[in-house]
Amino acid sequence: MSLARAIAVAIALFMGLPALIILAALAGPVGWIVAAVVLPIAVLAVLLWLGWFRRRDDDGPYGGSYDDSDTMPR
């Protein structure tokens, strides 16, 4: 993803998600539940997906090696 596209997505989420929460809260009791429960769970799911399922082999400290070899500094 290019930097410009990533910035555009971040700005859209930064402005759009609070607006979505406000609109859901204005919808009444069902909207309150959506705003308080469903949206945070959805945001957590997206963050976990981005951090875990889209990881690459070279992510992480020490070259990304997570095997049993002795790569940790002492």
Protein backbone atom coordinates (compact mmCIF):
# COMPACT_ATOMS: atom_id res chain seq x y z
CA MET A 1 0.00 0.00 0.00
CA SER A 2 1.42 3.36 -0.91
CA LEU A 3 2.02 5.99 1.73
CA ALA A 4 -0.60 8.36 0.29
CA ARG A 5 -3.23 5.62 0.34
CA ALA A 6 -2.33 4.65 3.91
CA ILE A 7 -2.62 8.27 5.04
CA ALA A 8 -6.00 8.61 3.31
CA VAL A 9 -7.30 5.45 4.98
CA ALA A 10 -6.04 6.60 8.39
CA ILE A 11 -7.73 10.00 8.02
CA ALA A 12 -10.97 8.40 6.85
CA LEU A 13 -10.98 6.06 9.86
CA PHE A 14 -9.99 8.85 12.24
CA MET A 15 -12.95 10.94 11.11
CA GLY A 16 -15.38 8.22 10.08
CA LEU A 17 -15.34 5.89 13.07
CA PRO A 18 -16.36 8.55 15.63
CA ALA A 19 -19.09 9.71 13.25
CA LEU A 20 -20.30 6.11 12.97
CA ILE A 21 -20.35 5.78 16.76
CA ILE A 22 -22.37 9.01 17.10
CA LEU A 23 -24.84 7.95 14.41
CA ALA A 24 -25.28 4.54 16.03
CA ALA A 25 -25.86 6.15 19.44
CA LEU A 26 -28.49 8.45 17.96
CA ALA A 27 -30.37 5.45 16.56
CA GLY A 28 -31.68 4.47 19.99
CA PRO A 29 -31.07 1.55 22.35
CA VAL A 30 -29.99 -0.86 19.63
CA GLY A 31 -27.56 1.76 18.35
CA TRP A 32 -26.18 2.21 21.85
CA ILE A 33 -25.40 -1.50 22.01
CA VAL A 34 -23.77 -1.35 18.60
CA ALA A 35 -21.74 1.71 19.58
CA ALA A 36 -20.69 0.27 22.92
CA VAL A 37 -20.12 -3.40 22.08
CA VAL A 38 -20.08 -4.27 18.39
CA LEU A 39 -17.89 -1.43 17.07
CA PRO A 40 -15.08 -1.88 19.65
CA ILE A 41 -15.05 -5.63 18.99
CA ALA A 42 -14.90 -4.96 15.25
CA VAL A 43 -12.02 -2.52 15.72
CA LEU A 44 -10.17 -5.07 17.87
CA ALA A 45 -10.73 -7.76 15.24
CA VAL A 46 -9.33 -5.52 12.50
CA LEU A 47 -6.28 -4.65 14.61
CA LEU A 48 -5.62 -8.31 15.37
CA TRP A 49 -6.04 -9.19 11.71
CA LEU A 50 -3.59 -6.50 10.67
CA GLY A 51 -1.06 -7.45 13.32
CA TRP A 52 -1.27 -11.22 13.28
CA PHE A 53 -2.64 -12.59 10.04
CA ARG A 54 -0.80 -10.11 7.84
CA ARG A 55 2.58 -10.58 9.52
CA ARG A 56 5.65 -11.35 7.45
CA ASP A 57 8.60 -13.61 8.12
CA ASP A 58 10.92 -10.65 8.66
CA ASP A 59 8.68 -8.96 11.27
CA GLY A 60 9.85 -8.77 14.83
CA PRO A 61 13.11 -8.48 16.68
CA TYR A 62 16.28 -10.46 15.99
CA GLY A 63 15.56 -11.03 12.32
CA GLY A 64 12.14 -12.53 12.90
CA SER A 65 13.51 -15.92 13.91
CA TYR A 66 11.10 -17.57 16.32
CA ASP A 67 12.53 -21.07 16.27
CA ASP A 68 14.36 -22.88 19.09
CA SER A 69 17.80 -21.60 18.11
CA ASP A 70 19.72 -19.49 20.60
CA THR A 71 19.32 -16.02 19.04
CA MET A 72 18.48 -14.05 22.17
CA PRO A 73 21.25 -11.84 23.55
CA ARG A 74 22.40 -12.54 27.06
